C-alpha atoms as a PDB file:
ATOM      1  CA  MET A   1       7.744 -29.627   0.394  1.00  0.00           C
ATOM      2  CA  MET A   2       9.141 -26.313  -0.919  1.00  0.00           C
ATOM      3  CA  ALA A   3      12.663 -27.865  -1.127  1.00  0.00           C
ATOM      4  CA  ASP A   4      11.380 -30.196  -3.757  1.00  0.00           C
ATOM      5  CA  LEU A   5      10.249 -27.262  -6.199  1.00  0.00           C
ATOM      6  CA  PRO A   6      12.622 -26.841  -9.035  1.00  0.00           C
ATOM      7  CA  PHE A   7      13.656 -23.377  -9.066  1.00  0.00           C
ATOM      8  CA  ASP A   8      13.320 -22.826 -12.859  1.00  0.00           C
ATOM      9  CA  GLN A   9       9.689 -23.793 -12.319  1.00  0.00           C
ATOM     10  CA  VAL A  10       9.214 -21.504  -9.367  1.00  0.00           C
ATOM     11  CA  ARG A  11      11.083 -18.636 -11.154  1.00  0.00           C
ATOM     12  CA  THR A  12       8.748 -19.049 -14.189  1.00  0.00           C
ATOM     13  CA  LEU A  13       5.458 -18.867 -12.131  1.00  0.00           C
ATOM     14  CA  LEU A  14       6.829 -15.857 -10.646  1.00  0.00           C
ATOM     15  CA  ALA A  15       7.509 -14.377 -14.127  1.00  0.00           C
ATOM     16  CA  VAL A  16       4.058 -15.327 -15.120  1.00  0.00           C
ATOM     17  CA  VAL A  17       2.338 -13.675 -12.296  1.00  0.00           C
ATOM     18  CA  ASP A  18       4.515 -10.460 -12.537  1.00  0.00           C
ATOM     19  CA  GLU A  19       4.282 -10.048 -16.230  1.00  0.00           C
ATOM     20  CA  GLY A  20       0.536 -10.743 -16.511  1.00  0.00           C
ATOM     21  CA  THR A  21       0.522 -13.454 -19.524  1.00  0.00           C
ATOM     22  CA  PHE A  22       2.459 -16.572 -20.414  1.00  0.00           C
ATOM     23  CA  ASP A  23       3.740 -14.705 -23.499  1.00  0.00           C
ATOM     24  CA  ALA A  24       5.192 -11.846 -21.699  1.00  0.00           C
ATOM     25  CA  ALA A  25       6.801 -14.127 -19.257  1.00  0.00           C
ATOM     26  CA  ALA A  26       8.427 -15.911 -22.142  1.00  0.00           C
ATOM     27  CA  ALA A  27       9.742 -12.701 -23.332  1.00  0.00           C
ATOM     28  CA  ALA A  28      11.144 -11.799 -19.990  1.00  0.00           C
ATOM     29  CA  LEU A  29      12.780 -15.232 -19.527  1.00  0.00           C
ATOM     30  CA  HIS A  30      13.905 -15.614 -23.162  1.00  0.00           C
ATOM     31  CA  VAL A  31      12.122 -19.005 -23.605  1.00  0.00           C
ATOM     32  CA  THR A  32       9.163 -19.978 -25.837  1.00  0.00           C
ATOM     33  CA  PRO A  33       5.572 -19.636 -24.448  1.00  0.00           C
ATOM     34  CA  SER A  34       5.178 -23.377 -24.760  1.00  0.00           C
ATOM     35  CA  ALA A  35       8.212 -23.819 -22.285  1.00  0.00           C
ATOM     36  CA  VAL A  36       6.519 -21.396 -19.948  1.00  0.00           C
ATOM     37  CA  SER A  37       3.359 -23.214 -20.043  1.00  0.00           C
ATOM     38  CA  GLN A  38       5.197 -26.755 -19.644  1.00  0.00           C
ATOM     39  CA  ARG A  39       7.054 -25.405 -16.432  1.00  0.00           C
ATOM     40  CA  VAL A  40       3.890 -24.076 -14.834  1.00  0.00           C
ATOM     41  CA  LYS A  41       1.884 -27.189 -15.580  1.00  0.00           C
ATOM     42  CA  ALA A  42       4.655 -29.364 -14.209  1.00  0.00           C
ATOM     43  CA  LEU A  43       4.841 -27.243 -11.130  1.00  0.00           C
ATOM     44  CA  GLU A  44       1.124 -27.742 -10.815  1.00  0.00           C
ATOM     45  CA  GLN A  45       1.501 -31.425 -11.116  1.00  0.00           C
ATOM     46  CA  ARG A  46       4.182 -31.516  -8.518  1.00  0.00           C
ATOM     47  CA  THR A  47       2.142 -29.562  -6.107  1.00  0.00           C
ATOM     48  CA  GLY A  48      -1.296 -30.991  -6.785  1.00  0.00           C
ATOM     49  CA  ARG A  49      -2.859 -27.685  -7.069  1.00  0.00           C
ATOM     50  CA  VAL A  50      -3.804 -25.180  -9.565  1.00  0.00           C
ATOM     51  CA  LEU A  51      -1.355 -22.231  -9.011  1.00  0.00           C
ATOM     52  CA  VAL A  52      -2.687 -19.706 -11.475  1.00  0.00           C
ATOM     53  CA  MET A  53      -6.073 -18.607 -13.033  1.00  0.00           C
ATOM     54  CA  ARG A  54      -5.522 -18.320 -16.762  1.00  0.00           C
ATOM     55  CA  THR A  55      -7.172 -14.821 -16.921  1.00  0.00           C
ATOM     56  CA  LYS A  56      -5.844 -11.745 -18.385  1.00  0.00           C
ATOM     57  CA  PRO A  57      -3.691 -10.744 -16.474  1.00  0.00           C
ATOM     58  CA  VAL A  58      -2.910 -13.930 -14.778  1.00  0.00           C
ATOM     59  CA  ARG A  59      -3.787 -14.133 -11.230  1.00  0.00           C
ATOM     60  CA  PRO A  60      -2.427 -16.478  -8.498  1.00  0.00           C
ATOM     61  CA  THR A  61      -4.694 -18.850  -6.686  1.00  0.00           C
ATOM     62  CA  GLU A  62      -4.422 -19.091  -2.882  1.00  0.00           C
ATOM     63  CA  SER A  63      -1.962 -21.974  -3.372  1.00  0.00           C
ATOM     64  CA  GLY A  64      -0.149 -19.755  -6.085  1.00  0.00           C
ATOM     65  CA  GLN A  65       0.289 -16.885  -3.725  1.00  0.00           C
ATOM     66  CA  VAL A  66       2.316 -19.200  -1.387  1.00  0.00           C
ATOM     67  CA  VAL A  67       4.612 -20.207  -4.264  1.00  0.00           C
ATOM     68  CA  VAL A  68       4.915 -16.706  -5.419  1.00  0.00           C
ATOM     69  CA  ARG A  69       5.928 -15.533  -2.001  1.00  0.00           C
ATOM     70  CA  PHE A  70       8.485 -18.440  -1.873  1.00  0.00           C
ATOM     71  CA  ALA A  71       9.823 -17.389  -5.280  1.00  0.00           C
ATOM     72  CA  ARG A  72      10.312 -13.702  -4.232  1.00  0.00           C
ATOM     73  CA  GLN A  73      12.112 -14.768  -1.064  1.00  0.00           C
ATOM     74  CA  LEU A  74      14.302 -17.145  -2.896  1.00  0.00           C
ATOM     75  CA  ALA A  75      15.179 -14.495  -5.483  1.00  0.00           C
ATOM     76  CA  ALA A  76      16.020 -12.021  -2.718  1.00  0.00           C
ATOM     77  CA  LEU A  77      18.270 -14.557  -0.971  1.00  0.00           C
ATOM     78  CA  GLU A  78      19.901 -15.377  -4.099  1.00  0.00           C
ATOM     79  CA  ARG A  79      20.954 -11.762  -4.671  1.00  0.00           C
ATOM     80  CA  ASP A  80      22.237 -11.391  -1.249  1.00  0.00           C
ATOM     81  CA  ALA A  81      24.411 -14.666  -1.610  1.00  0.00           C
ATOM     82  CA  GLN A  82      25.871 -13.163  -4.805  1.00  0.00           C
ATOM     83  CA  ALA A  83      26.578  -9.871  -3.266  1.00  0.00           C
ATOM     84  CA  GLU A  84      28.522 -11.667  -0.301  1.00  0.00           C
ATOM     85  CA  LEU A  85      30.400 -13.946  -2.721  1.00  0.00           C
ATOM     86  CA  GLY A  86      31.343 -10.802  -4.912  1.00  0.00           C
ATOM     87  CA  ILE A  87      29.776 -12.406  -8.111  1.00  0.00           C
ATOM     88  CA  ALA A  88      27.049  -9.836  -8.279  1.00  0.00           C
ATOM     89  CA  ALA A  89      29.077  -7.290 -10.417  1.00  0.00           C
ATOM     90  CA  GLY A  90      27.001  -6.105 -13.379  1.00  0.00           C
ATOM     91  CA  SER A  91      23.764  -7.711 -12.182  1.00  0.00           C
ATOM     92  CA  ALA A  92      20.543  -5.778 -11.703  1.00  0.00           C
ATOM     93  CA  PRO A  93      20.445  -3.993  -8.119  1.00  0.00           C
ATOM     94  CA  ALA A  94      18.074  -5.348  -5.401  1.00  0.00           C
ATOM     95  CA  ARG A  95      14.453  -4.626  -6.168  1.00  0.00           C
ATOM     96  CA  LEU A  96      12.202  -4.222  -3.018  1.00  0.00           C
ATOM     97  CA  ALA A  97       8.418  -4.229  -3.644  1.00  0.00           C
ATOM     98  CA  ILE A  98       6.457  -2.268  -1.003  1.00  0.00           C
ATOM     99  CA  ALA A  99       2.706  -1.446  -0.576  1.00  0.00           C
ATOM    100  CA  VAL A 100       1.915   1.820   0.817  1.00  0.00           C
ATOM    101  CA  ASN A 101      -1.028   4.052   1.179  1.00  0.00           C
ATOM    102  CA  ALA A 102      -1.504   7.196  -0.828  1.00  0.00           C
ATOM    103  CA  ASP A 103      -1.393   9.664   1.983  1.00  0.00           C
ATOM    104  CA  SER A 104       1.841   8.294   3.270  1.00  0.00           C
ATOM    105  CA  LEU A 105       3.216   8.332  -0.136  1.00  0.00           C
ATOM    106  CA  ALA A 106       2.332  12.004  -0.590  1.00  0.00           C
ATOM    107  CA  THR A 107       3.538  13.180   2.647  1.00  0.00           C
ATOM    108  CA  TRP A 108       6.327  11.458   4.541  1.00  0.00           C
ATOM    109  CA  PHE A 109       7.229   8.151   2.911  1.00  0.00           C
ATOM    110  CA  LEU A 110       9.065   9.234  -0.310  1.00  0.00           C
ATOM    111  CA  PRO A 111      11.492  11.738   1.923  1.00  0.00           C
ATOM    112  CA  ALA A 112      12.089   8.570   4.055  1.00  0.00           C
ATOM    113  CA  LEU A 113      13.179   6.493   1.023  1.00  0.00           C
ATOM    114  CA  THR A 114      15.781   9.154   0.107  1.00  0.00           C
ATOM    115  CA  ARG A 115      17.522   8.370   3.273  1.00  0.00           C
ATOM    116  CA  VAL A 116      18.274   4.608   2.590  1.00  0.00           C
ATOM    117  CA  PRO A 117      21.834   4.046   1.709  1.00  0.00           C
ATOM    118  CA  GLN A 118      22.647   3.040  -1.967  1.00  0.00           C
ATOM    119  CA  ASP A 119      25.585   0.961  -1.350  1.00  0.00           C
ATOM    120  CA  PRO A 120      24.876  -1.504  -2.672  1.00  0.00           C
ATOM    121  CA  PRO A 121      21.905   0.063  -4.759  1.00  0.00           C
ATOM    122  CA  VAL A 122      18.239  -0.702  -4.202  1.00  0.00           C
ATOM    123  CA  CYS A 123      15.407  -0.195  -6.479  1.00  0.00           C
ATOM    124  CA  PHE A 124      11.890   0.493  -5.132  1.00  0.00           C
ATOM    125  CA  GLU A 125       8.727  -0.826  -6.716  1.00  0.00           C
ATOM    126  CA  LEU A 126       5.883   0.925  -4.856  1.00  0.00           C
ATOM    127  CA  HIS A 127       2.218  -0.280  -4.947  1.00  0.00           C
ATOM    128  CA  ARG A 128      -0.299   2.328  -3.917  1.00  0.00           C
ATOM    129  CA  GLU A 129      -3.282   0.793  -1.966  1.00  0.00           C
ATOM    130  CA  ASP A 130      -5.475   1.852   0.944  1.00  0.00           C
ATOM    131  CA  GLU A 131      -3.882   1.055   4.215  1.00  0.00           C
ATOM    132  CA  THR A 132      -6.631  -1.237   5.071  1.00  0.00           C
ATOM    133  CA  HIS A 133      -5.790  -3.313   2.080  1.00  0.00           C
ATOM    134  CA  THR A 134      -2.103  -3.298   1.679  1.00  0.00           C
ATOM    135  CA  ALA A 135      -1.698  -6.387   3.792  1.00  0.00           C
ATOM    136  CA  GLU A 136      -3.591  -8.296   0.921  1.00  0.00           C
ATOM    137  CA  LEU A 137      -0.578  -7.521  -1.201  1.00  0.00           C
ATOM    138  CA  LEU A 138       1.673  -9.264   1.304  1.00  0.00           C
ATOM    139  CA  ARG A 139      -0.646 -12.272   1.417  1.00  0.00           C
ATOM    140  CA  GLU A 140      -0.724 -12.595  -2.397  1.00  0.00           C
ATOM    141  CA  GLY A 141       3.182 -12.296  -2.317  1.00  0.00           C
ATOM    142  CA  LYS A 142       3.052  -9.077  -4.404  1.00  0.00           C
ATOM    143  CA  VAL A 143       5.273  -7.127  -2.111  1.00  0.00           C
ATOM    144  CA  MET A 144       7.940  -7.770   0.529  1.00  0.00           C
ATOM    145  CA  ALA A 145       6.700  -5.245   2.905  1.00  0.00           C
ATOM    146  CA  ALA A 146       3.807  -2.952   3.562  1.00  0.00           C
ATOM    147  CA  VAL A 147       2.554   0.146   5.575  1.00  0.00           C
ATOM    148  CA  THR A 148      -0.791  -1.022   6.771  1.00  0.00           C
ATOM    149  CA  ALA A 149      -3.392  -0.387   9.305  1.00  0.00           C
ATOM    150  CA  SER A 150      -3.330  -3.977  10.366  1.00  0.00           C
ATOM    151  CA  ALA A 151      -1.641  -4.859  13.672  1.00  0.00           C
ATOM    152  CA  GLU A 152      -2.273  -8.553  13.060  1.00  0.00           C
ATOM    153  CA  PRO A 153       0.790 -10.021  11.045  1.00  0.00           C
ATOM    154  CA  VAL A 154       0.371 -11.646   7.890  1.00  0.00           C
ATOM    155  CA  ALA A 155       1.626 -15.538   7.897  1.00  0.00           C
ATOM    156  CA  GLY A 156       5.274 -15.205   7.609  1.00  0.00           C
ATOM    157  CA  CYS A 157       5.714 -11.632   8.582  1.00  0.00           C
ATOM    158  CA  THR A 158       6.909  -9.397  11.402  1.00  0.00           C
ATOM    159  CA  VAL A 159       4.931  -6.291  12.237  1.00  0.00           C
ATOM    160  CA  ARG A 160       5.911  -3.000  14.066  1.00  0.00           C
ATOM    161  CA  ARG A 161       3.900   0.084  15.159  1.00  0.00           C
ATOM    162  CA  LEU A 162       4.840   3.162  13.321  1.00  0.00           C
ATOM    163  CA  GLY A 163       2.417   5.659  14.707  1.00  0.00           C
ATOM    164  CA  LEU A 164      -0.497   7.561  14.189  1.00  0.00           C
ATOM    165  CA  ALA A 165      -1.508   9.369  10.890  1.00  0.00           C
ATOM    166  CA  ARG A 166      -3.617  12.306  11.895  1.00  0.00           C
ATOM    167  CA  TYR A 167      -6.472  13.645   9.760  1.00  0.00           C
ATOM    168  CA  ARG A 168      -8.346  17.091  10.197  1.00  0.00           C
ATOM    169  CA  PRO A 169     -11.893  17.388   9.142  1.00  0.00           C
ATOM    170  CA  ALA A 170     -12.078  20.589   7.180  1.00  0.00           C
ATOM    171  CA  ALA A 171     -13.886  22.417   4.530  1.00  0.00           C
ATOM    172  CA  THR A 172     -13.660  26.063   3.033  1.00  0.00           C
ATOM    173  CA  PRO A 173     -15.383  28.782   4.918  1.00  0.00           C
ATOM    174  CA  ARG A 174     -17.735  29.257   2.102  1.00  0.00           C
ATOM    175  CA  PHE A 175     -18.746  25.485   2.112  1.00  0.00           C
ATOM    176  CA  VAL A 176     -19.265  25.681   5.902  1.00  0.00           C
ATOM    177  CA  ALA A 177     -21.505  28.709   5.661  1.00  0.00           C
ATOM    178  CA  ASP A 178     -23.533  26.919   2.641  1.00  0.00           C
ATOM    179  CA  HIS A 179     -23.871  23.504   4.181  1.00  0.00           C
ATOM    180  CA  LEU A 180     -22.992  23.192   7.867  1.00  0.00           C
ATOM    181  CA  ASP A 181     -24.273  26.512   9.608  1.00  0.00           C
ATOM    182  CA  GLY A 182     -27.783  26.580  11.182  1.00  0.00           C
ATOM    183  CA  GLY A 183     -27.470  23.393  13.402  1.00  0.00           C
ATOM    184  CA  PRO A 184     -25.456  20.841  15.212  1.00  0.00           C
ATOM    185  CA  LEU A 185     -22.646  19.395  13.203  1.00  0.00           C
ATOM    186  CA  GLU A 186     -23.858  15.933  13.928  1.00  0.00           C
ATOM    187  CA  ARG A 187     -27.120  16.543  12.180  1.00  0.00           C
ATOM    188  CA  ARG A 188     -25.809  18.829   9.212  1.00  0.00           C
ATOM    189  CA  LEU A 189     -22.639  16.832   8.280  1.00  0.00           C
ATOM    190  CA  PRO A 190     -24.416  13.527   7.159  1.00  0.00           C
ATOM    191  CA  ASP A 191     -26.298  15.416   4.317  1.00  0.00           C
ATOM    192  CA  ALA A 192     -23.266  17.659   3.284  1.00  0.00           C
ATOM    193  CA  PRO A 193     -21.396  16.854   0.075  1.00  0.00           C
ATOM    194  CA  VAL A 194     -18.182  14.899   0.656  1.00  0.00           C
ATOM    195  CA  VAL A 195     -15.002  14.200  -0.974  1.00  0.00           C
ATOM    196  CA  VAL A 196     -13.655  10.488  -0.760  1.00  0.00           C
ATOM    197  CA  PHE A 197     -10.644   9.011  -2.100  1.00  0.00           C
ATOM    198  CA  ASP A 198     -12.228   5.953  -3.958  1.00  0.00           C
ATOM    199  CA  ARG A 199     -15.080   3.378  -3.343  1.00  0.00           C
ATOM    200  CA  ARG A 200     -12.814   1.679  -0.641  1.00  0.00           C
ATOM    201  CA  ASP A 201     -12.490   4.907   1.361  1.00  0.00           C
ATOM    202  CA  GLU A 202     -14.536   4.640   4.450  1.00  0.00           C
ATOM    203  CA  LEU A 203     -12.592   7.285   6.373  1.00  0.00           C
ATOM    204  CA  GLN A 204     -15.259   9.974   6.179  1.00  0.00           C
ATOM    205  CA  ASP A 205     -17.976   7.470   6.880  1.00  0.00           C
ATOM    206  CA  ARG A 206     -16.434   6.274  10.064  1.00  0.00           C
ATOM    207  CA  PHE A 207     -15.807   9.996  11.142  1.00  0.00           C
ATOM    208  CA  VAL A 208     -19.429  10.753  10.697  1.00  0.00           C
ATOM    209  CA  ARG A 209     -20.499   7.627  12.403  1.00  0.00           C
ATOM    210  CA  SER A 210     -18.533   8.482  15.173  1.00  0.00           C
ATOM    211  CA  LEU A 211     -20.458  11.790  15.652  1.00  0.00           C
ATOM    212  CA  THR A 212     -23.732  10.388  15.173  1.00  0.00           C
ATOM    213  CA  ALA A 213     -23.391   7.129  17.400  1.00  0.00           C
ATOM    214  CA  GLY A 214     -23.381   4.977  14.324  1.00  0.00           C
ATOM    215  CA  ARG A 215     -26.781   6.274  13.091  1.00  0.00           C
ATOM    216  CA  SER A 216     -25.357   7.621   9.910  1.00  0.00           C
ATOM    217  CA  GLY A 217     -22.390   7.728   7.447  1.00  0.00           C
ATOM    218  CA  ALA A 218     -21.195  10.366   5.201  1.00  0.00           C
ATOM    219  CA  SER A 219     -23.637  11.766   2.380  1.00  0.00           C
ATOM    220  CA  ALA A 220     -24.216   9.816  -0.757  1.00  0.00           C
ATOM    221  CA  PHE A 221     -23.404  13.046  -2.432  1.00  0.00           C
ATOM    222  CA  ARG A 222     -19.740  12.348  -2.782  1.00  0.00           C
ATOM    223  CA  HIS A 223     -16.847  13.189  -5.123  1.00  0.00           C
ATOM    224  CA  HIS A 224     -14.345  10.505  -5.979  1.00  0.00           C
ATOM    225  CA  VAL A 225     -10.746  11.804  -6.221  1.00  0.00           C
ATOM    226  CA  PRO A 226      -8.234   9.005  -6.301  1.00  0.00           C
ATOM    227  CA  THR A 227      -5.037  10.941  -5.467  1.00  0.00           C
ATOM    228  CA  SER A 228      -4.077  12.398  -2.144  1.00  0.00           C
ATOM    229  CA  GLU A 229      -2.954  15.791  -3.613  1.00  0.00           C
ATOM    230  CA  GLY A 230      -6.237  15.883  -5.693  1.00  0.00           C
ATOM    231  CA  PHE A 231      -8.300  15.053  -2.614  1.00  0.00           C
ATOM    232  CA  CYS A 232      -6.783  18.051  -0.721  1.00  0.00           C
ATOM    233  CA  ASP A 233      -7.330  20.299  -3.869  1.00  0.00           C
ATOM    234  CA  ALA A 234     -10.789  19.183  -4.096  1.00  0.00           C
ATOM    235  CA  VAL A 235     -11.491  20.169  -0.371  1.00  0.00           C
ATOM    236  CA  ALA A 236      -9.815  23.315  -0.816  1.00  0.00           C
ATOM    237  CA  ALA A 237     -11.761  24.152  -3.975  1.00  0.00           C
ATOM    238  CA  GLY A 238     -14.941  23.801  -2.083  1.00  0.00           C
ATOM    239  CA  LEU A 239     -16.400  20.427  -3.601  1.00  0.00           C
ATOM    240  CA  GLY A 240     -16.980  19.045  -0.343  1.00  0.00           C
ATOM    241  CA  TRP A 241     -15.735  18.457   3.254  1.00  0.00           C
ATOM    242  CA  GLY A 242     -13.136  15.999   3.938  1.00  0.00           C
ATOM    243  CA  LEU A 243     -10.580  14.364   6.261  1.00  0.00           C
ATOM    244  CA  VAL A 244      -7.305  16.002   5.148  1.00  0.00           C
ATOM    245  CA  PRO A 245      -3.970  14.540   6.356  1.00  0.00           C
ATOM    246  CA  GLU A 246      -2.498  16.932   8.881  1.00  0.00           C
ATOM    247  CA  PRO A 247       0.653  17.761   6.861  1.00  0.00           C
ATOM    248  CA  GLN A 248      -1.360  18.949   3.953  1.00  0.00           C
ATOM    249  CA  ALA A 249      -4.035  20.569   6.036  1.00  0.00           C
ATOM    250  CA  ALA A 250      -1.679  22.665   8.347  1.00  0.00           C
ATOM    251  CA  PRO A 251      -0.881  25.305   5.796  1.00  0.00           C
ATOM    252  CA  LEU A 252      -4.411  25.531   4.416  1.00  0.00           C
ATOM    253  CA  LEU A 253      -5.679  25.917   8.037  1.00  0.00           C
ATOM    254  CA  LYS A 254      -3.148  28.710   8.812  1.00  0.00           C
ATOM    255  CA  SER A 255      -3.817  30.660   5.702  1.00  0.00           C
ATOM    256  CA  GLY A 256      -7.651  30.464   6.032  1.00  0.00           C
ATOM    257  CA  ALA A 257      -8.241  28.761   2.969  1.00  0.00           C
ATOM    258  CA  LEU A 258      -9.576  25.815   5.066  1.00  0.00           C
ATOM    259  CA  VAL A 259     -11.429  25.787   8.550  1.00  0.00           C
ATOM    260  CA  GLU A 260     -11.629  22.950  11.019  1.00  0.00           C
ATOM    261  CA  LEU A 261     -15.329  21.765  11.232  1.00  0.00           C
ATOM    262  CA  ALA A 262     -15.172  21.782  15.100  1.00  0.00           C
ATOM    263  CA  PRO A 263     -12.075  22.719  17.443  1.00  0.00           C
ATOM    264  CA  GLY A 264     -10.351  19.565  18.604  1.00  0.00           C
ATOM    265  CA  LEU A 265     -12.134  17.135  16.014  1.00  0.00           C
ATOM    266  CA  ARG A 266      -9.694  14.782  14.614  1.00  0.00           C
ATOM    267  CA  MET A 267      -9.318  11.137  13.164  1.00  0.00           C
ATOM    268  CA  ASP A 268      -6.194   9.218  14.013  1.00  0.00           C
ATOM    269  CA  VAL A 269      -5.268   6.129  11.902  1.00  0.00           C
ATOM    270  CA  PRO A 270      -2.717   3.721  13.407  1.00  0.00           C
ATOM    271  CA  LEU A 271       0.034   2.740  10.906  1.00  0.00           C
ATOM    272  CA  PHE A 272       2.136  -0.389  11.022  1.00  0.00           C
ATOM    273  CA  TRP A 273       5.150  -1.819   9.038  1.00  0.00           C
ATOM    274  CA  GLN A 274       4.834  -5.457   8.026  1.00  0.00           C
ATOM    275  CA  GLN A 275       7.631  -7.274   6.203  1.00  0.00           C
ATOM    276  CA  TRP A 276       8.739 -10.894   5.526  1.00  0.00           C
ATOM    277  CA  THR A 277      10.606 -12.677   8.324  1.00  0.00           C
ATOM    278  CA  LEU A 278      13.537 -13.074   6.070  1.00  0.00           C
ATOM    279  CA  ASP A 279      17.234 -12.077   6.602  1.00  0.00           C
ATOM    280  CA  VAL A 280      17.404  -9.768   3.575  1.00  0.00           C
ATOM    281  CA  PRO A 281      19.779  -6.833   4.562  1.00  0.00           C
ATOM    282  CA  ALA A 282      18.366  -4.395   2.106  1.00  0.00           C
ATOM    283  CA  LEU A 283      14.963  -4.862   3.408  1.00  0.00           C
ATOM    284  CA  ALA A 284      16.118  -4.714   7.108  1.00  0.00           C
ATOM    285  CA  LEU A 285      17.885  -1.392   6.384  1.00  0.00           C
ATOM    286  CA  VAL A 286      14.699   0.053   4.614  1.00  0.00           C
ATOM    287  CA  ALA A 287      12.643  -0.982   7.562  1.00  0.00           C
ATOM    288  CA  GLU A 288      14.881   0.885  10.106  1.00  0.00           C
ATOM    289  CA  THR A 289      14.881   3.985   8.010  1.00  0.00           C
ATOM    290  CA  ILE A 290      11.051   3.848   7.395  1.00  0.00           C
ATOM    291  CA  ALA A 291      10.614   3.389  11.312  1.00  0.00           C
ATOM    292  CA  ALA A 292      13.105   6.324  12.023  1.00  0.00           C
ATOM    293  CA  ALA A 293      11.151   8.698   9.476  1.00  0.00           C
ATOM    294  CA  ALA A 294       7.607   7.762  10.904  1.00  0.00           C
ATOM    295  CA  ALA A 295       9.023   8.373  14.506  1.00  0.00           C
ATOM    296  CA  GLN A 296       9.269  12.167  13.334  1.00  0.00           C
ATOM    297  CA  ALA A 297       6.412  12.441  10.904  1.00  0.00           C
ATOM    298  CA  LEU A 298       3.630  10.456  12.694  1.00  0.00           C
ATOM    299  CA  HIS A 299       2.044  11.113  16.109  1.00  0.00           C
END
């Protein structure tokens, strides 16, 4: 039972996971590494499960993820209770860990965070991850909320639809002339150099498969550019074609620096907001602010 888990042991496990090593957790908690090790072992004995893998950095097991998530929720509730009791003066501000995909981070998400009232103050710890994988960080207990492509709520979380992030397949005029002229797009595009975010990025492959009825993905000749701004710059530089977020593509299309590969072609990615089902006022306020900003920025 979670009610039987000593708070000092739970807090220690959280510190070990966050800091990455037992020694770093000991420094953060102002105790000895031996005390940290003893608390974690005692918690594992109490639960009857191995909670962390002793790697570098330390990683929680599936059972450990449950306890880590509980520890974060408990810490958030503790901060709120202190604030309501008026005994939080001089303590650290509330910290909200949120997972968000790079394209949202580069376009609409950061301006949305500036609208969150700072009374009481809130610190944001943002974790950048592909929208198809941000939900994993919720399951692991690393974050309290996430912008995700998953409509299926993670256990212990609520979900709401934010809207559609629109991407425009584009390239430079020179690139189109060199690689895509002389035949139907569905035949030429699978062999054309392409820009992708990283090895997890399947957006360009999905787009090509939609054109070829699943017969082919994007070319193996691909450039990996792992920032949203760098991705856009790489396409604009003519390294390859790519699906550029509409807010970034619009001025480049208007100026003629980029051209659309075919009129009306686009890729829409549904985005959702998932967060803990926990009564944390700061988290609720952020959720409402993000939803309002998404209603303006997304389709």
